[in-house]
Amino acid sequence: MATVLVSAFLTLQTGAPQTQPVPRWAVKIDPAHCQLERSGDPAAASLIVDTIPGSDSYRVFILNGERQGAAPLGPGSLLFAPSQASLAGLTRASVLPDGRTVARMEGVEPAVLDDMAGADTIALTIGSKVAGTVSIPNAAKAIAALRACSADQLIAWGADAAQFAPGGRPPIAVKSRDEWIPNRDLVTLAATSGKADIDATFRVAVSPDGSITDCRAVTDRTASTVVKTACGPVLNKTLFTPARDPAGAAVKGVATFRVQLVTQFSVIREPARR
């Protein structure tokens, strides 16, 4: 049913052919990745929200139609109107080849979806400066389509569909994914892998008691040494409160986490990508 929801939503938003680009919603679906866009008019600001299903983390980008320049990583916020709700986080801005500015906030909590669903506009600030504001009409339908994309992927990986019905809930991590793998293991991996950069996403099966019963890379291109380092410390560990169906019964869930090692053995671990 989730796939049908995405298809129906996109059909409604596309409508009749247009002679001029008009802002519209679109959901882009790739393996282990869901992305929602609000774009169309090159002169206006555009919005992108993306996630790895099961990561419980989102990235929000606002591509400004104006040229505002780059800004380093620092505190900022997402602002929603008319509710006046806000989410604080770390933000940055970079300049694209065409001179426009893209501002972003990474590691955004799932609450962003609820705030967006009830908003008419969303703005991203860097410090005290507004880096971009986007009009988001029909946001509730767009958010439903993004959630459906994530649910479809998790169900395909083995999650019980009942947790995505109204009143259900997915598994919730009891501690940050950044703390799952000891730093010493990651440093050793960086030193012995023979690769300057490693970026891999893993999915785990979460049993009805919250323990991890299976761990594997989401693609078969991930080296076995990376899989061993990432999965060894989490298997058979109780790292979640279990998923629940609408009646409150515990059911099987699926979650994801990411391991990223960058040049010069600097270690970065994030639950979202792109």
C-alpha atoms as a PDB file:
ATOM      1  CA  MET A   1       0.000   0.000   0.000  1.00  0.00           C
ATOM      2  CA  ALA A   2       2.889   2.362   0.655  1.00  0.00           C
ATOM      3  CA  THR A   3       4.050   2.087  -2.959  1.00  0.00           C
ATOM      4  CA  VAL A   4       0.563   2.899  -4.190  1.00  0.00           C
ATOM      5  CA  LEU A   5       0.522   5.987  -1.957  1.00  0.00           C
ATOM      6  CA  VAL A   6       3.760   7.313  -3.442  1.00  0.00           C
ATOM      7  CA  SER A   7       2.584   6.709  -7.017  1.00  0.00           C
ATOM      8  CA  ALA A   8      -0.795   8.301  -6.449  1.00  0.00           C
ATOM      9  CA  PHE A   9       0.729  11.332  -4.772  1.00  0.00           C
ATOM     10  CA  LEU A  10       3.181  11.969  -7.580  1.00  0.00           C
ATOM     11  CA  THR A  11       0.440  11.639 -10.178  1.00  0.00           C
ATOM     12  CA  LEU A  12      -1.683  14.210  -8.367  1.00  0.00           C
ATOM     13  CA  GLN A  13       1.192  16.668  -8.169  1.00  0.00           C
ATOM     14  CA  THR A  14       2.243  16.310 -11.809  1.00  0.00           C
ATOM     15  CA  GLY A  15      -1.141  17.072 -13.370  1.00  0.00           C
ATOM     16  CA  ALA A  16      -1.417  18.406 -16.921  1.00  0.00           C
ATOM     17  CA  PRO A  17       1.660  19.370 -18.944  1.00  0.00           C
ATOM     18  CA  GLN A  18       2.991  22.836 -18.143  1.00  0.00           C
ATOM     19  CA  THR A  19       4.543  25.295 -20.552  1.00  0.00           C
ATOM     20  CA  GLN A  20       6.652  26.868 -17.783  1.00  0.00           C
ATOM     21  CA  PRO A  21       8.408  25.138 -14.887  1.00  0.00           C
ATOM     22  CA  VAL A  22       6.238  25.250 -11.774  1.00  0.00           C
ATOM     23  CA  PRO A  23       7.202  24.183  -8.258  1.00  0.00           C
ATOM     24  CA  ARG A  24       6.082  20.644  -7.475  1.00  0.00           C
ATOM     25  CA  TRP A  25       6.782  17.779  -5.093  1.00  0.00           C
ATOM     26  CA  ALA A  26       8.632  14.640  -6.175  1.00  0.00           C
ATOM     27  CA  VAL A  27       9.841  11.553  -4.316  1.00  0.00           C
ATOM     28  CA  LYS A  28      13.002   9.902  -5.630  1.00  0.00           C
ATOM     29  CA  ILE A  29      13.426   6.267  -4.619  1.00  0.00           C
ATOM     30  CA  ASP A  30      16.766   4.453  -4.739  1.00  0.00           C
ATOM     31  CA  PRO A  31      17.985   1.356  -2.895  1.00  0.00           C
ATOM     32  CA  ALA A  32      18.479   2.333   0.761  1.00  0.00           C
ATOM     33  CA  HIS A  33      17.633   5.970   0.046  1.00  0.00           C
ATOM     34  CA  CYS A  34      14.489   8.113  -0.081  1.00  0.00           C
ATOM     35  CA  GLN A  35      14.507  11.757  -1.169  1.00  0.00           C
ATOM     36  CA  LEU A  36      11.723  14.335  -1.226  1.00  0.00           C
ATOM     37  CA  GLU A  37      12.094  17.451  -3.368  1.00  0.00           C
ATOM     38  CA  ARG A  38      10.126  20.647  -3.731  1.00  0.00           C
ATOM     39  CA  SER A  39      11.501  22.358  -6.823  1.00  0.00           C
ATOM     40  CA  GLY A  40      10.682  23.626 -10.287  1.00  0.00           C
ATOM     41  CA  ASP A  41      11.219  27.366 -10.666  1.00  0.00           C
ATOM     42  CA  PRO A  42      14.985  27.988 -11.049  1.00  0.00           C
ATOM     43  CA  ALA A  43      14.583  31.518  -9.695  1.00  0.00           C
ATOM     44  CA  ALA A  44      12.960  30.331  -6.453  1.00  0.00           C
ATOM     45  CA  ALA A  45      14.361  28.389  -3.505  1.00  0.00           C
ATOM     46  CA  SER A  46      14.159  24.593  -3.604  1.00  0.00           C
ATOM     47  CA  LEU A  47      13.911  22.074  -0.768  1.00  0.00           C
ATOM     48  CA  ILE A  48      15.380  18.569  -0.461  1.00  0.00           C
ATOM     49  CA  VAL A  49      14.807  16.211   2.457  1.00  0.00           C
ATOM     50  CA  ASP A  50      16.517  12.831   2.333  1.00  0.00           C
ATOM     51  CA  THR A  51      17.117   9.821   4.528  1.00  0.00           C
ATOM     52  CA  ILE A  52      18.386   6.279   4.683  1.00  0.00           C
ATOM     53  CA  PRO A  53      15.319   4.250   5.705  1.00  0.00           C
ATOM     54  CA  GLY A  54      15.706   3.003   9.253  1.00  0.00           C
ATOM     55  CA  SER A  55      18.342   5.561  10.235  1.00  0.00           C
ATOM     56  CA  ASP A  56      15.978   7.937  12.098  1.00  0.00           C
ATOM     57  CA  SER A  57      18.039  10.808  10.705  1.00  0.00           C
ATOM     58  CA  TYR A  58      17.341  13.280   7.911  1.00  0.00           C
ATOM     59  CA  ARG A  59      19.233  15.850   5.904  1.00  0.00           C
ATOM     60  CA  VAL A  60      17.536  19.082   4.869  1.00  0.00           C
ATOM     61  CA  PHE A  61      18.862  21.206   1.993  1.00  0.00           C
ATOM     62  CA  ILE A  62      17.607  24.559   0.779  1.00  0.00           C
ATOM     63  CA  LEU A  63      18.941  25.655  -2.589  1.00  0.00           C
ATOM     64  CA  ASN A  64      18.558  29.397  -2.657  1.00  0.00           C
ATOM     65  CA  GLY A  65      17.628  31.165  -5.845  1.00  0.00           C
ATOM     66  CA  GLU A  66      19.897  34.010  -4.711  1.00  0.00           C
ATOM     67  CA  ARG A  67      23.683  34.082  -4.394  1.00  0.00           C
ATOM     68  CA  GLN A  68      24.538  34.399  -0.718  1.00  0.00           C
ATOM     69  CA  GLY A  69      27.936  32.725  -0.421  1.00  0.00           C
ATOM     70  CA  ALA A  70      29.412  29.921   1.663  1.00  0.00           C
ATOM     71  CA  ALA A  71      29.209  29.618   5.451  1.00  0.00           C
ATOM     72  CA  PRO A  72      31.210  27.247   7.701  1.00  0.00           C
ATOM     73  CA  LEU A  73      29.711  24.600   9.958  1.00  0.00           C
ATOM     74  CA  GLY A  74      27.956  26.242  12.873  1.00  0.00           C
ATOM     75  CA  PRO A  75      24.720  26.452  14.845  1.00  0.00           C
ATOM     76  CA  GLY A  76      21.481  27.160  13.029  1.00  0.00           C
ATOM     77  CA  SER A  77      17.854  26.156  12.937  1.00  0.00           C
ATOM     78  CA  LEU A  78      14.906  25.117  10.837  1.00  0.00           C
ATOM     79  CA  LEU A  79      11.898  27.401  11.224  1.00  0.00           C
ATOM     80  CA  PHE A  80       8.328  26.407  10.355  1.00  0.00           C
ATOM     81  CA  ALA A  81       5.426  28.751   9.716  1.00  0.00           C
ATOM     82  CA  PRO A  82       2.714  29.365  10.740  1.00  0.00           C
ATOM     83  CA  SER A  83       3.361  27.148  13.805  1.00  0.00           C
ATOM     84  CA  GLN A  84       6.608  28.982  14.735  1.00  0.00           C
ATOM     85  CA  ALA A  85       8.122  25.597  15.641  1.00  0.00           C
ATOM     86  CA  SER A  86      11.888  25.296  15.293  1.00  0.00           C
ATOM     87  CA  LEU A  87      14.599  22.632  15.304  1.00  0.00           C
ATOM     88  CA  ALA A  88      18.170  23.527  16.230  1.00  0.00           C
ATOM     89  CA  GLY A  89      21.213  21.844  14.715  1.00  0.00           C
ATOM     90  CA  LEU A  90      24.504  22.273  12.909  1.00  0.00           C
ATOM     91  CA  THR A  91      24.292  23.989   9.528  1.00  0.00           C
ATOM     92  CA  ARG A  92      26.586  25.007   6.710  1.00  0.00           C
ATOM     93  CA  ALA A  93      26.368  26.543   3.239  1.00  0.00           C
ATOM     94  CA  SER A  94      28.353  26.017   0.064  1.00  0.00           C
ATOM     95  CA  VAL A  95      28.400  27.618  -3.360  1.00  0.00           C
ATOM     96  CA  LEU A  96      27.420  25.638  -6.451  1.00  0.00           C
ATOM     97  CA  PRO A  97      29.228  26.020  -9.803  1.00  0.00           C
ATOM     98  CA  ASP A  98      26.436  28.301 -11.047  1.00  0.00           C
ATOM     99  CA  GLY A  99      26.972  30.634  -8.089  1.00  0.00           C
ATOM    100  CA  ARG A 100      23.846  29.756  -6.160  1.00  0.00           C
ATOM    101  CA  THR A 101      24.027  28.809  -2.480  1.00  0.00           C
ATOM    102  CA  VAL A 102      22.913  25.516  -0.949  1.00  0.00           C
ATOM    103  CA  ALA A 103      22.396  25.524   2.816  1.00  0.00           C
ATOM    104  CA  ARG A 104      22.021  22.306   4.759  1.00  0.00           C
ATOM    105  CA  MET A 105      21.366  20.773   8.144  1.00  0.00           C
ATOM    106  CA  GLU A 106      22.399  17.167   8.751  1.00  0.00           C
ATOM    107  CA  GLY A 107      21.478  14.653  11.437  1.00  0.00           C
ATOM    108  CA  VAL A 108      17.957  16.093  11.780  1.00  0.00           C
ATOM    109  CA  GLU A 109      15.618  14.139  14.055  1.00  0.00           C
ATOM    110  CA  PRO A 110      12.341  12.550  12.807  1.00  0.00           C
ATOM    111  CA  ALA A 111      10.352  15.366  14.431  1.00  0.00           C
ATOM    112  CA  VAL A 112      11.182  17.400  11.327  1.00  0.00           C
ATOM    113  CA  LEU A 113       8.566  15.421   9.392  1.00  0.00           C
ATOM    114  CA  ASP A 114       5.766  16.290  11.804  1.00  0.00           C
ATOM    115  CA  ASP A 115       6.751  19.962  11.784  1.00  0.00           C
ATOM    116  CA  MET A 116       6.925  20.040   7.981  1.00  0.00           C
ATOM    117  CA  ALA A 117       3.582  18.289   7.565  1.00  0.00           C
ATOM    118  CA  GLY A 118       1.775  21.164   9.266  1.00  0.00           C
ATOM    119  CA  ALA A 119       3.786  24.008   7.724  1.00  0.00           C
ATOM    120  CA  ASP A 120       3.219  26.406   4.854  1.00  0.00           C
ATOM    121  CA  THR A 121       6.875  27.471   4.703  1.00  0.00           C
ATOM    122  CA  ILE A 122      10.209  26.204   5.981  1.00  0.00           C
ATOM    123  CA  ALA A 123      13.300  28.344   6.478  1.00  0.00           C
ATOM    124  CA  LEU A 124      16.890  27.431   7.349  1.00  0.00           C
ATOM    125  CA  THR A 125      19.003  29.842   9.344  1.00  0.00           C
ATOM    126  CA  ILE A 126      22.762  29.856   9.780  1.00  0.00           C
ATOM    127  CA  GLY A 127      23.490  31.744  12.944  1.00  0.00           C
ATOM    128  CA  SER A 128      21.056  34.639  12.913  1.00  0.00           C
ATOM    129  CA  LYS A 129      20.860  34.874   9.119  1.00  0.00           C
ATOM    130  CA  VAL A 130      18.115  33.265   7.024  1.00  0.00           C
ATOM    131  CA  ALA A 131      19.861  31.226   4.335  1.00  0.00           C
ATOM    132  CA  GLY A 132      16.685  30.328   2.450  1.00  0.00           C
ATOM    133  CA  THR A 133      12.903  30.027   2.725  1.00  0.00           C
ATOM    134  CA  VAL A 134      10.716  27.642   0.724  1.00  0.00           C
ATOM    135  CA  SER A 135       6.936  27.569   0.312  1.00  0.00           C
ATOM    136  CA  ILE A 136       5.691  24.003   0.935  1.00  0.00           C
ATOM    137  CA  PRO A 137       1.974  23.718   0.076  1.00  0.00           C
ATOM    138  CA  ASN A 138       0.415  20.260   0.475  1.00  0.00           C
ATOM    139  CA  ALA A 139       3.320  19.312   2.708  1.00  0.00           C
ATOM    140  CA  ALA A 140       1.311  16.697   4.622  1.00  0.00           C
ATOM    141  CA  LYS A 141       0.792  14.614   1.465  1.00  0.00           C
ATOM    142  CA  ALA A 142       4.450  15.001   0.549  1.00  0.00           C
ATOM    143  CA  ILE A 143       5.592  13.820   3.977  1.00  0.00           C
ATOM    144  CA  ALA A 144       3.237  10.833   3.762  1.00  0.00           C
ATOM    145  CA  ALA A 145       4.869   9.871   0.463  1.00  0.00           C
ATOM    146  CA  LEU A 146       8.368  10.148   1.965  1.00  0.00           C
ATOM    147  CA  ARG A 147       7.341   7.995   4.919  1.00  0.00           C
ATOM    148  CA  ALA A 148       5.825   5.447   2.544  1.00  0.00           C
ATOM    149  CA  CYS A 149       9.110   5.232   0.662  1.00  0.00           C
ATOM    150  CA  SER A 150      10.968   4.421   3.891  1.00  0.00           C
ATOM    151  CA  ALA A 151       8.350   1.923   5.038  1.00  0.00           C
ATOM    152  CA  ASP A 152       8.439   0.076   1.706  1.00  0.00           C
ATOM    153  CA  GLN A 153      12.213  -0.355   1.923  1.00  0.00           C
ATOM    154  CA  LEU A 154      12.146  -1.562   5.533  1.00  0.00           C
ATOM    155  CA  ILE A 155       9.346  -4.036   4.813  1.00  0.00           C
ATOM    156  CA  ALA A 156      11.333  -5.375   1.856  1.00  0.00           C
ATOM    157  CA  TRP A 157      14.228  -5.941   4.276  1.00  0.00           C
ATOM    158  CA  GLY A 158      12.004  -7.939   6.634  1.00  0.00           C
ATOM    159  CA  ALA A 159      10.296  -5.443   8.968  1.00  0.00           C
ATOM    160  CA  ASP A 160       6.758  -6.295  10.086  1.00  0.00           C
ATOM    161  CA  ALA A 161       4.388  -4.020   8.155  1.00  0.00           C
ATOM    162  CA  ALA A 162       2.106  -3.598  11.187  1.00  0.00           C
ATOM    163  CA  GLN A 163       4.507  -1.118  12.805  1.00  0.00           C
ATOM    164  CA  PHE A 164       3.809   1.382  10.010  1.00  0.00           C
ATOM    165  CA  ALA A 165       0.037   1.342  10.510  1.00  0.00           C
ATOM    166  CA  PRO A 166      -1.540   4.183  12.535  1.00  0.00           C
ATOM    167  CA  GLY A 167      -0.699   3.611  16.183  1.00  0.00           C
ATOM    168  CA  GLY A 168       2.358   1.468  15.466  1.00  0.00           C
ATOM    169  CA  ARG A 169       5.978   2.501  15.834  1.00  0.00           C
ATOM    170  CA  PRO A 170       9.389   1.374  14.517  1.00  0.00           C
ATOM    171  CA  PRO A 171      12.239   0.239  16.810  1.00  0.00           C
ATOM    172  CA  ILE A 172      13.911   3.027  18.770  1.00  0.00           C
ATOM    173  CA  ALA A 173      17.654   2.975  19.465  1.00  0.00           C
ATOM    174  CA  VAL A 174      18.482   3.019  23.186  1.00  0.00           C
ATOM    175  CA  LYS A 175      21.815   4.761  22.538  1.00  0.00           C
ATOM    176  CA  SER A 176      23.333   6.717  19.687  1.00  0.00           C
ATOM    177  CA  ARG A 177      24.481   4.695  16.705  1.00  0.00           C
ATOM    178  CA  ASP A 178      27.754   6.620  16.962  1.00  0.00           C
ATOM    179  CA  GLU A 179      28.487   4.630  20.118  1.00  0.00           C
ATOM    180  CA  TRP A 180      27.887   1.166  18.682  1.00  0.00           C
ATOM    181  CA  ILE A 181      31.380   0.526  17.305  1.00  0.00           C
ATOM    182  CA  PRO A 182      34.471   1.199  19.457  1.00  0.00           C
ATOM    183  CA  ASN A 183      36.715   3.912  18.032  1.00  0.00           C
ATOM    184  CA  ARG A 184      39.728   1.596  18.305  1.00  0.00           C
ATOM    185  CA  ASP A 185      38.064  -0.815  15.856  1.00  0.00           C
ATOM    186  CA  LEU A 186      37.451   1.958  13.353  1.00  0.00           C
ATOM    187  CA  VAL A 187      41.010   3.270  13.626  1.00  0.00           C
ATOM    188  CA  THR A 188      42.349  -0.248  13.075  1.00  0.00           C
ATOM    189  CA  LEU A 189      40.077  -0.680  10.084  1.00  0.00           C
ATOM    190  CA  ALA A 190      41.270   2.608   8.598  1.00  0.00           C
ATOM    191  CA  ALA A 191      44.884   1.590   9.046  1.00  0.00           C
ATOM    192  CA  THR A 192      44.532  -1.911   7.593  1.00  0.00           C
ATOM    193  CA  SER A 193      41.847  -1.591   4.926  1.00  0.00           C
ATOM    194  CA  GLY A 194      44.166  -0.316   2.222  1.00  0.00           C
ATOM    195  CA  LYS A 195      41.607   2.305   1.214  1.00  0.00           C
ATOM    196  CA  ALA A 196      41.745   6.019   1.884  1.00  0.00           C
ATOM    197  CA  ASP A 197      37.953   6.327   2.189  1.00  0.00           C
ATOM    198  CA  ILE A 198      35.232   3.956   3.337  1.00  0.00           C
ATOM    199  CA  ASP A 199      31.526   4.728   3.248  1.00  0.00           C
ATOM    200  CA  ALA A 200      29.123   1.877   3.967  1.00  0.00           C
ATOM    201  CA  THR A 201      25.570   1.521   5.227  1.00  0.00           C
ATOM    202  CA  PHE A 202      24.383  -1.493   7.201  1.00  0.00           C
ATOM    203  CA  ARG A 203      20.964  -2.861   8.042  1.00  0.00           C
ATOM    204  CA  VAL A 204      20.152  -4.806  11.167  1.00  0.00           C
ATOM    205  CA  ALA A 205      17.214  -7.052  12.042  1.00  0.00           C
ATOM    206  CA  VAL A 206      15.701  -6.101  15.403  1.00  0.00           C
ATOM    207  CA  SER A 207      13.888  -8.929  17.182  1.00  0.00           C
ATOM    208  CA  PRO A 208      10.718  -8.411  19.257  1.00  0.00           C
ATOM    209  CA  ASP A 209      12.931  -8.248  22.372  1.00  0.00           C
ATOM    210  CA  GLY A 210      15.046  -5.415  20.902  1.00  0.00           C
ATOM    211  CA  SER A 211      18.177  -7.445  20.196  1.00  0.00           C
ATOM    212  CA  ILE A 212      19.995  -7.456  16.850  1.00  0.00           C
ATOM    213  CA  THR A 213      19.776 -10.879  15.207  1.00  0.00           C
ATOM    214  CA  ASP A 214      21.273 -10.057  11.812  1.00  0.00           C
ATOM    215  CA  CYS A 215      23.604  -7.413  10.366  1.00  0.00           C
ATOM    216  CA  ARG A 216      24.695  -6.945   6.769  1.00  0.00           C
ATOM    217  CA  ALA A 217      25.780  -4.254   4.336  1.00  0.00           C
ATOM    218  CA  VAL A 218      23.016  -2.877   2.138  1.00  0.00           C
ATOM    219  CA  THR A 219      25.175  -3.458  -0.970  1.00  0.00           C
ATOM    220  CA  ASP A 220      27.394  -6.404  -1.896  1.00  0.00           C
ATOM    221  CA  ARG A 221      30.238  -4.027  -2.794  1.00  0.00           C
ATOM    222  CA  THR A 222      31.219  -3.574   0.850  1.00  0.00           C
ATOM    223  CA  ALA A 223      34.474  -5.316   1.759  1.00  0.00           C
ATOM    224  CA  SER A 224      34.248  -8.249   4.164  1.00  0.00           C
ATOM    225  CA  THR A 225      36.676  -6.561   6.574  1.00  0.00           C
ATOM    226  CA  VAL A 226      34.375  -3.549   6.810  1.00  0.00           C
ATOM    227  CA  VAL A 227      31.331  -5.776   7.383  1.00  0.00           C
ATOM    228  CA  LYS A 228      33.137  -7.687  10.141  1.00  0.00           C
ATOM    229  CA  THR A 229      34.216  -4.502  11.908  1.00  0.00           C
ATOM    230  CA  ALA A 230      30.752  -2.940  11.710  1.00  0.00           C
ATOM    231  CA  CYS A 231      28.599  -5.969  12.461  1.00  0.00           C
ATOM    232  CA  GLY A 232      30.714  -7.801  15.033  1.00  0.00           C
ATOM    233  CA  PRO A 233      30.101  -5.361  17.911  1.00  0.00           C
ATOM    234  CA  VAL A 234      26.321  -5.141  17.385  1.00  0.00           C
ATOM    235  CA  LEU A 235      25.191  -8.732  16.784  1.00  0.00           C
ATOM    236  CA  ASN A 236      23.157 -10.204  19.659  1.00  0.00           C
ATOM    237  CA  LYS A 237      23.223  -6.875  21.504  1.00  0.00           C
ATOM    238  CA  THR A 238      20.022  -5.273  22.803  1.00  0.00           C
ATOM    239  CA  LEU A 239      20.317  -1.846  21.201  1.00  0.00           C
ATOM    240  CA  PHE A 240      16.635  -1.002  20.662  1.00  0.00           C
ATOM    241  CA  THR A 241      13.267  -0.891  22.252  1.00  0.00           C
ATOM    242  CA  PRO A 242      11.258  -3.127  19.914  1.00  0.00           C
ATOM    243  CA  ALA A 243       8.925  -2.116  17.133  1.00  0.00           C
ATOM    244  CA  ARG A 244       5.226  -2.223  18.066  1.00  0.00           C
ATOM    245  CA  ASP A 245       2.050  -2.918  16.142  1.00  0.00           C
ATOM    246  CA  PRO A 246      -1.042  -0.714  16.716  1.00  0.00           C
ATOM    247  CA  ALA A 247      -2.170  -3.000  19.572  1.00  0.00           C
ATOM    248  CA  GLY A 248       1.177  -2.555  21.345  1.00  0.00           C
ATOM    249  CA  ALA A 249       2.562  -6.014  20.638  1.00  0.00           C
ATOM    250  CA  ALA A 250       6.291  -6.233  19.887  1.00  0.00           C
ATOM    251  CA  VAL A 251       7.109  -7.120  16.262  1.00  0.00           C
ATOM    252  CA  LYS A 252      10.212  -7.536  14.126  1.00  0.00           C
ATOM    253  CA  GLY A 253      11.873  -4.329  12.990  1.00  0.00           C
ATOM    254  CA  VAL A 254      14.741  -3.248  10.761  1.00  0.00           C
ATOM    255  CA  ALA A 255      17.117  -0.331  11.291  1.00  0.00           C
ATOM    256  CA  THR A 256      20.214   1.042   9.591  1.00  0.00           C
ATOM    257  CA  PHE A 257      23.496   2.695  10.483  1.00  0.00           C
ATOM    258  CA  ARG A 258      26.410   4.120   8.543  1.00  0.00           C
ATOM    259  CA  VAL A 259      30.189   3.847   8.863  1.00  0.00           C
ATOM    260  CA  GLN A 260      32.303   6.455   7.101  1.00  0.00           C
ATOM    261  CA  LEU A 261      36.083   6.723   7.225  1.00  0.00           C
ATOM    262  CA  VAL A 262      37.726   9.588   5.373  1.00  0.00           C
ATOM    263  CA  THR A 263      41.235  10.440   4.236  1.00  0.00           C
ATOM    264  CA  GLN A 264      43.988  10.760   6.867  1.00  0.00           C
ATOM    265  CA  PHE A 265      42.106   8.318   9.106  1.00  0.00           C
ATOM    266  CA  SER A 266      39.696  10.943  10.384  1.00  0.00           C
ATOM    267  CA  VAL A 267      36.675   8.992  11.598  1.00  0.00           C
ATOM    268  CA  ILE A 268      33.119  10.134  10.916  1.00  0.00           C
ATOM    269  CA  ARG A 269      30.038   8.073  11.665  1.00  0.00           C
ATOM    270  CA  GLU A 270      26.632   9.265  10.563  1.00  0.00           C
ATOM    271  CA  PRO A 271      23.147   7.647  10.360  1.00  0.00           C
ATOM    272  CA  ALA A 272      22.242   9.455   7.119  1.00  0.00           C
ATOM    273  CA  ARG A 273      23.750   9.941   3.724  1.00  0.00           C
ATOM    274  CA  ARG A 274      24.016  12.434   0.883  1.00  0.00           C
END
